[in-house]
Protein backbone atom coordinates (compact mmCIF):
# COMPACT_ATOMS: atom_id res chain seq x y z
CA MET A 1 -14.33 14.09 -25.58
CA GLY A 2 -11.76 16.30 -24.41
CA HIS A 3 -8.13 14.88 -23.03
CA LEU A 4 -8.37 12.06 -20.86
CA TYR A 5 -5.92 11.17 -17.73
CA GLY A 6 -5.74 8.17 -16.93
CA GLY A 7 -4.12 6.81 -13.26
CA VAL A 8 -2.87 3.16 -12.33
CA GLU A 9 -2.95 1.79 -8.72
CA GLY A 10 -0.74 -1.14 -9.05
CA GLY A 11 -0.65 -3.99 -6.58
CA ALA A 12 0.41 -7.50 -5.92
CA THR A 13 -2.81 -8.74 -5.56
CA SER A 14 -4.78 -6.40 -7.35
CA SER A 15 -5.06 -3.01 -9.30
CA ASN A 16 -7.54 -0.58 -10.37
CA VAL A 17 -7.60 2.36 -12.93
CA VAL A 18 -9.41 5.58 -13.52
CA LEU A 19 -9.70 7.70 -16.51
CA ILE A 20 -10.58 11.66 -15.50
CA ALA A 21 -11.69 14.34 -17.74
CA GLU A 22 -9.94 18.13 -17.77
CA ASP A 23 -12.26 19.53 -15.55
CA GLY A 24 -11.37 16.47 -12.92
CA THR A 25 -14.72 14.31 -13.25
CA VAL A 26 -14.01 10.44 -12.90
CA LYS A 27 -15.28 9.02 -16.08
CA ALA A 28 -14.54 5.61 -15.97
CA LYS A 29 -12.92 3.46 -13.06
CA VAL A 30 -11.91 -0.42 -13.88
CA ASN A 31 -10.43 -3.50 -11.34
CA GLY A 32 -7.79 -5.67 -12.59
CA PRO A 33 -4.92 -8.16 -11.64
CA ALA A 34 -1.58 -7.31 -10.26
CA THR A 35 0.45 -5.41 -11.94
CA ASN A 36 3.67 -5.88 -9.95
CA HIS A 37 6.25 -6.70 -12.24
CA TRP A 38 8.63 -8.10 -9.79
CA LEU A 39 6.04 -10.61 -9.52
CA VAL A 40 3.69 -11.36 -12.26
CA GLY A 41 6.43 -10.75 -15.17
CA LEU A 42 7.18 -7.44 -17.17
CA ASP A 43 4.97 -9.42 -20.20
CA LYS A 44 2.08 -9.80 -17.76
CA CYS A 45 2.22 -6.24 -16.16
CA LEU A 46 2.24 -4.73 -19.56
CA GLU A 47 -0.87 -6.42 -20.77
CA SER A 48 -3.22 -6.24 -18.17
CA ILE A 49 -2.23 -2.61 -17.92
CA ASN A 50 -3.12 -2.15 -21.91
CA SER A 51 -6.66 -4.40 -21.31
CA MET A 52 -7.41 -2.51 -17.99
CA ILE A 53 -7.03 0.80 -19.97
CA LEU A 54 -8.95 -0.48 -22.83
CA ASP A 55 -11.91 -1.46 -20.49
CA ALA A 56 -11.84 2.47 -18.82
CA LYS A 57 -11.69 3.76 -22.24
CA LYS A 58 -14.55 1.51 -23.66
CA ALA A 59 -16.73 2.53 -20.28
CA ALA A 60 -16.13 5.71 -20.41
CA GLY A 61 -17.55 6.17 -24.20
CA ALA A 62 -14.18 7.15 -25.38
CA ASP A 63 -12.65 5.71 -28.71
CA PRO A 64 -10.01 3.35 -28.21
CA LYS A 65 -7.74 4.02 -30.72
CA VAL A 66 -7.62 7.44 -29.26
CA PRO A 67 -4.14 7.82 -26.92
CA LEU A 68 -4.71 9.40 -23.64
CA LYS A 69 -2.93 12.47 -22.77
CA SER A 70 -0.79 10.73 -19.88
CA LEU A 71 -1.23 8.00 -17.96
CA GLY A 72 0.58 8.09 -14.43
CA LEU A 73 1.45 4.62 -12.83
CA THR A 74 1.73 4.14 -9.36
CA LEU A 75 3.17 0.20 -9.12
CA SER A 76 3.91 -1.96 -6.41
CA GLY A 77 7.91 -2.58 -7.17
CA GLY A 78 7.99 0.69 -9.46
CA GLU A 79 10.98 2.58 -7.46
CA GLN A 80 13.60 1.34 -9.87
CA ASP A 81 15.09 4.18 -12.44
CA GLU A 82 15.96 1.40 -15.21
CA ALA A 83 12.87 -0.66 -14.68
CA ILE A 84 11.19 2.56 -14.91
CA ARG A 85 12.61 3.64 -18.33
CA ALA A 86 12.18 0.10 -19.55
CA LEU A 87 8.39 -0.28 -18.91
CA VAL A 88 7.51 2.92 -20.34
CA GLN A 89 9.89 2.18 -23.71
CA LEU A 90 7.78 -1.33 -23.96
CA LEU A 91 4.46 0.58 -23.29
CA LYS A 92 4.82 3.31 -26.25
CA GLU A 93 6.33 0.36 -28.47
CA ARG A 94 3.79 -2.52 -28.08
CA PHE A 95 0.48 -0.35 -27.60
CA PRO A 96 1.30 3.12 -29.43
CA ASN A 97 -2.40 3.98 -28.93
CA LEU A 98 -2.42 3.79 -25.18
CA SER A 99 -1.22 7.49 -24.10
CA GLU A 100 1.27 10.03 -25.23
CA ASN A 101 2.69 10.77 -21.73
CA TYR A 102 3.64 8.53 -19.29
CA CYS A 103 4.77 9.07 -15.61
CA ILE A 104 5.56 5.73 -13.26
CA THR A 105 6.23 5.58 -9.30
CA THR A 106 5.59 3.86 -6.59
CA ASP A 107 2.45 2.54 -5.15
CA ALA A 108 3.33 4.99 -1.78
CA LEU A 109 3.04 8.23 -3.87
CA GLY A 110 -0.02 7.41 -5.53
CA GLY A 111 -1.65 7.53 -1.92
CA ILE A 112 -0.50 10.99 -0.57
CA SER A 113 -1.05 12.16 -4.35
CA THR A 114 -4.37 11.07 -3.68
CA ALA A 115 -4.86 12.57 -0.22
CA THR A 116 -3.16 15.78 -0.41
CA ASP A 117 -1.15 18.35 -2.47
CA THR A 118 1.45 19.50 0.43
CA GLY A 119 2.98 16.26 1.46
CA GLY A 120 2.78 13.94 4.39
CA ILE A 121 3.04 10.43 5.31
CA VAL A 122 1.91 7.28 3.34
CA LEU A 123 1.82 4.23 4.77
CA ILE A 124 0.89 0.91 2.98
CA SER A 125 0.24 -2.33 4.61
CA GLY A 126 -1.40 -4.44 2.64
CA THR A 127 -0.10 -7.65 0.99
CA GLY A 128 3.61 -5.99 1.74
CA SER A 129 4.24 -2.70 2.91
CA ASN A 130 5.76 0.42 2.48
CA CYS A 131 6.25 4.15 3.50
CA LYS A 132 7.01 7.19 1.87
CA LEU A 133 7.66 10.86 3.51
CA VAL A 134 6.68 13.80 0.76
CA ASN A 135 8.20 16.95 2.00
CA PRO A 136 6.65 20.00 0.48
CA ASP A 137 9.54 20.61 -1.88
CA GLY A 138 8.50 17.44 -2.87
CA SER A 139 11.67 15.67 -1.56
CA VAL A 140 10.56 12.11 -0.55
CA ILE A 141 12.49 10.01 1.95
CA GLY A 142 11.23 6.27 2.19
CA CYS A 143 11.33 3.06 4.40
CA GLY A 144 10.84 -0.60 3.53
CA GLY A 145 8.98 -1.71 0.48
CA TRP A 146 11.92 -4.27 0.18
CA GLY A 147 9.49 -7.03 -0.76
CA HIS A 148 8.93 -10.43 1.37
CA LEU A 149 12.27 -11.47 1.56
CA ILE A 150 13.93 -8.54 3.42
CA GLY A 151 11.16 -6.18 4.18
CA ASP A 152 7.47 -6.12 4.31
CA GLU A 153 7.20 -5.95 7.66
CA GLY A 154 3.61 -4.60 9.44
CA SER A 155 2.27 -6.47 6.02
CA ALA A 156 -0.67 -8.86 6.07
CA TYR A 157 1.93 -11.48 4.67
CA TRP A 158 4.60 -10.71 7.33
CA MET A 159 2.44 -10.97 10.30
CA SER A 160 0.71 -14.31 8.52
CA LEU A 161 4.56 -15.81 8.22
CA LEU A 162 5.31 -14.32 11.65
CA ALA A 163 1.88 -16.64 12.84
CA ILE A 164 3.09 -19.48 11.06
CA LYS A 165 6.59 -20.00 12.44
CA ILE A 166 5.38 -18.90 15.90
CA VAL A 167 3.54 -22.46 15.34
CA TYR A 168 6.06 -23.97 13.74
CA ASP A 169 8.81 -23.22 16.60
CA ALA A 170 6.49 -24.68 19.18
CA VAL A 171 5.37 -27.70 17.93
CA ASP A 172 9.12 -28.47 17.78
CA ASN A 173 10.03 -27.21 20.92
CA TYR A 174 12.33 -24.94 19.35
CA LYS A 175 11.31 -21.62 21.05
CA HIS A 176 8.78 -20.91 23.86
CA THR A 177 5.72 -18.97 23.24
CA PRO A 178 3.62 -17.74 26.27
CA PHE A 179 0.15 -18.43 23.76
CA ASN A 180 -1.77 -21.30 23.34
CA ILE A 181 -0.96 -21.90 19.65
CA CYS A 182 -4.14 -24.37 19.24
CA LEU A 183 -6.72 -21.80 17.55
CA VAL A 184 -3.88 -20.34 15.18
CA GLU A 185 -2.68 -24.23 14.15
CA GLU A 186 -6.37 -25.09 13.44
CA ALA A 187 -7.48 -21.64 11.44
CA MET A 188 -3.90 -22.82 9.14
CA TYR A 189 -4.28 -25.95 8.38
CA SER A 190 -8.20 -25.08 7.46
CA TYR A 191 -7.20 -22.13 5.57
CA PHE A 192 -4.58 -23.80 3.71
CA GLN A 193 -6.56 -27.04 3.18
CA VAL A 194 -3.76 -29.34 4.99
CA SER A 195 -3.62 -31.67 7.80
CA ASN A 196 -0.32 -31.08 8.57
CA ARG A 197 3.31 -28.85 8.30
CA THR A 198 4.89 -31.00 6.20
CA ALA A 199 1.55 -30.77 3.51
CA LEU A 200 1.90 -26.71 4.20
CA LEU A 201 5.68 -26.67 2.68
CA THR A 202 3.81 -27.28 -0.30
CA HIS A 203 1.95 -23.75 0.01
CA LEU A 204 5.90 -21.84 1.22
CA TYR A 205 7.99 -23.63 -1.71
CA ARG A 206 6.52 -25.61 -4.23
CA THR A 207 2.96 -23.34 -5.42
CA PHE A 208 4.09 -20.34 -2.91
CA GLU A 209 1.86 -17.52 -3.73
CA LYS A 210 2.47 -14.36 -1.82
CA SER A 211 -0.84 -13.06 -1.83
CA LYS A 212 -2.57 -16.45 -0.94
CA ILE A 213 -0.41 -16.35 2.59
CA ALA A 214 -0.84 -12.79 2.84
CA GLY A 215 -4.93 -13.40 2.64
CA PHE A 216 -4.27 -16.16 5.89
CA CYS A 217 -4.11 -12.58 7.79
CA ARG A 218 -7.99 -12.35 7.62
CA LYS A 219 -8.33 -15.48 9.54
CA LEU A 220 -5.90 -13.98 12.02
CA ALA A 221 -8.03 -10.83 12.44
CA GLU A 222 -10.94 -13.31 12.79
CA ALA A 223 -9.29 -15.06 15.67
CA ALA A 224 -7.99 -11.68 17.51
CA ARG A 225 -11.46 -10.38 17.97
CA ALA A 226 -12.78 -13.69 18.97
CA GLY A 227 -9.97 -13.26 21.76
CA ASP A 228 -7.14 -15.10 20.49
CA HIS A 229 -3.91 -14.16 22.65
CA LEU A 230 -1.38 -15.32 20.00
CA SER A 231 -3.30 -13.20 17.57
CA CYS A 232 -3.87 -10.56 19.19
CA HIS A 233 0.08 -10.79 19.63
CA ILE A 234 0.87 -10.69 15.77
CA PHE A 235 -1.19 -7.43 15.46
CA ARG A 236 0.47 -5.68 18.07
CA ARG A 237 3.78 -6.23 16.76
CA GLY A 238 2.42 -5.62 13.23
CA GLY A 239 1.11 -2.26 14.31
CA GLN A 240 4.72 -1.71 16.12
CA GLU A 241 6.64 -2.71 13.07
CA LEU A 242 4.26 0.02 11.20
CA ALA A 243 4.89 2.56 13.48
CA ARG A 244 8.48 1.93 13.16
CA HIS A 245 7.86 2.92 9.47
CA VAL A 246 6.89 6.63 10.82
CA VAL A 247 9.81 6.82 13.17
CA ALA A 248 12.34 5.79 10.37
CA VAL A 249 11.63 9.02 8.15
CA LEU A 250 10.50 11.44 10.90
CA PRO A 251 13.63 13.30 11.90
CA HIS A 252 13.02 14.30 7.71
CA VAL A 253 9.74 15.89 8.26
CA HIS A 254 9.76 19.43 7.16
CA LYS A 255 8.40 21.63 9.76
CA SER A 256 5.60 22.86 7.74
CA LEU A 257 4.05 19.12 7.86
CA LEU A 258 3.81 19.14 11.59
CA ASP A 259 1.83 22.69 12.35
CA GLY A 260 -1.30 21.83 10.15
CA LYS A 261 -5.03 21.38 11.62
CA PHE A 262 -4.25 18.14 11.64
CA GLY A 263 -0.78 17.88 12.98
CA LEU A 264 1.60 15.37 11.24
CA PRO A 265 -0.59 13.82 8.30
CA VAL A 266 -0.51 9.65 7.95
CA VAL A 267 -2.30 8.37 4.89
CA CYS A 268 -3.04 4.42 5.39
CA VAL A 269 -3.09 2.81 2.27
CA GLY A 270 -4.11 -0.80 2.36
CA SER A 271 -6.48 -4.29 3.67
CA VAL A 272 -4.71 -4.12 7.07
CA TRP A 273 -5.33 -1.05 8.18
CA ASN A 274 -9.12 -2.16 8.22
CA SER A 275 -8.03 -3.90 11.42
CA TRP A 276 -6.66 -0.81 13.28
CA ASP A 277 -8.33 -1.60 16.21
CA LEU A 278 -6.05 -4.59 16.37
CA LEU A 279 -2.73 -2.68 15.15
CA LYS A 280 -3.75 0.59 17.35
CA ASN A 281 -1.88 -0.52 20.77
CA GLY A 282 1.62 -1.50 19.72
CA PHE A 283 1.41 1.35 16.99
CA LEU A 284 0.83 3.62 20.35
CA GLU A 285 4.19 2.34 22.48
CA VAL A 286 5.74 2.71 19.18
CA LEU A 287 5.53 6.44 18.96
CA LYS A 288 4.92 7.29 22.49
CA GLU A 289 8.39 5.87 23.22
CA VAL A 290 9.61 8.01 19.97
CA LYS A 291 8.13 10.83 21.69
CA GLN A 292 10.35 10.87 24.38
CA ARG A 293 13.47 11.89 21.76
CA PRO A 294 14.51 15.18 20.87
CA MET A 295 13.84 14.03 16.97
CA ALA A 296 10.16 13.96 17.71
CA LYS A 297 9.86 17.08 20.17
CA ASN A 298 8.10 18.93 17.62
CA LEU A 299 5.70 16.06 16.64
CA CYS A 300 2.67 17.14 19.17
CA LYS A 301 -0.20 15.55 16.88
CA PHE A 302 -1.01 13.19 14.10
CA SER A 303 -3.54 12.05 12.29
CA MET A 304 -4.32 8.66 10.33
CA MET A 305 -6.60 8.50 7.73
CA LYS A 306 -7.78 6.62 4.58
CA LEU A 307 -8.51 6.96 1.51
CA LYS A 308 -11.64 7.09 -0.33
CA CYS A 309 -11.10 6.83 -3.76
CA SER A 310 -8.39 4.66 -5.33
CA SER A 311 -4.98 5.89 -5.03
CA ALA A 312 -5.45 5.67 -9.33
CA VAL A 313 -6.74 9.35 -8.75
CA GLY A 314 -3.63 10.29 -7.84
CA ALA A 315 -1.79 8.44 -10.02
CA ALA A 316 -4.03 10.43 -12.48
CA SER A 317 -3.09 13.79 -11.27
CA LEU A 318 0.92 12.77 -11.02
CA GLY A 319 0.63 11.85 -14.52
CA ALA A 320 -0.67 14.71 -15.55
CA ARG A 321 1.36 16.98 -13.67
CA HIS A 322 4.38 15.12 -15.41
CA ILE A 323 3.27 17.25 -18.62
CA GLY A 324 2.44 20.26 -16.99
CA TYR A 325 -1.53 20.25 -16.33
CA ASP A 326 -2.68 20.56 -12.67
CA LEU A 327 -5.94 18.53 -12.67
CA PRO A 328 -9.05 19.86 -10.09
CA MET A 329 -8.61 18.06 -6.92
CA ASP A 330 -11.27 18.12 -4.60
CA TYR A 331 -8.42 16.74 -1.41
CA ALA A 332 -11.29 16.78 1.60
CA ASN A 333 -13.58 14.64 -0.10
CA ASN A 334 -10.90 11.99 -0.95
CA VAL A 335 -9.75 11.00 2.52
CA ASP A 336 -11.71 9.89 6.13
CA ILE A 337 -9.97 10.57 9.51
CA PHE A 338 -10.48 7.77 11.32
CA PHE A 339 -7.83 8.80 14.26
CA GLU A 340 -5.81 11.41 15.89
CA HIS A 341 -3.67 11.76 18.77
CA CYS A 342 -2.17 14.61 20.40
CA PHE A 343 1.05 13.75 22.57
CA LYS A 344 0.82 15.52 25.87
CA LEU A 345 3.13 18.19 26.89
């Protein structure tokens, strides 16, 4: 068997691995646990990466003792240079047969590298949120990605917590809401399997799990589609926050990214985008307002696209490129354009 190039898409809830041959053929796919080292700890992160790669090697029929040619890891929380160096060093020390070379970067870059080789915006909204603009010259401008304490706007976690906060404030008579909270309050107690707000505090503090709280967003989506006005409001707010990420990086977009057939490409990664019908109005409100400003005068069109495969594919490509090899990639087959918008002149 020839050289194998590995890619890891690491998230705060789950992770994916692919192994790709030199000709671009995907030889193995494996799913696994969270690999955000800020959330699960460094040791568990490393062990999970090694375990997934071993499973992938076996699935590909490769010798587990033969290192991959390269391993690209696009990890949620993989943005600090010092932390990246520590991860690479520990991977080499603990698992010498894992890979010959490593390239670690943020999960956002995995998404854009799966969709295109010319650049664009990748906008993540899953458990957490993040946004990265990658220009054709390779320069990267970011907005968000700071985690649940000071960021994650527009994510499943953020929308879930917003809904919970609105309910608490309304019941306390601390802050008025024009929406009926009954359906969301009932769904909240049912999802967390508690009978009152005090019991819910255990989930918010003592046994806090970001992914558990983020999971409540699915119940909000169900309620919104059933016509609950508060849930619809939550998703509208989420759409607005996600659009503000795009606005933040817009002044740095290279002109060539605006002139293509699809206009500005926005690669949407994460499960929250499955609720685009609920996010859409808020998202468009913000971009239509910004279009009136000089900073957005060249923005005539944008296209929203989802990946049809794991961004671990892009991670593998980045890892290969890191050592000077360009893996053959069928970018057009990797994405599905689900929404396009042209601004009126």
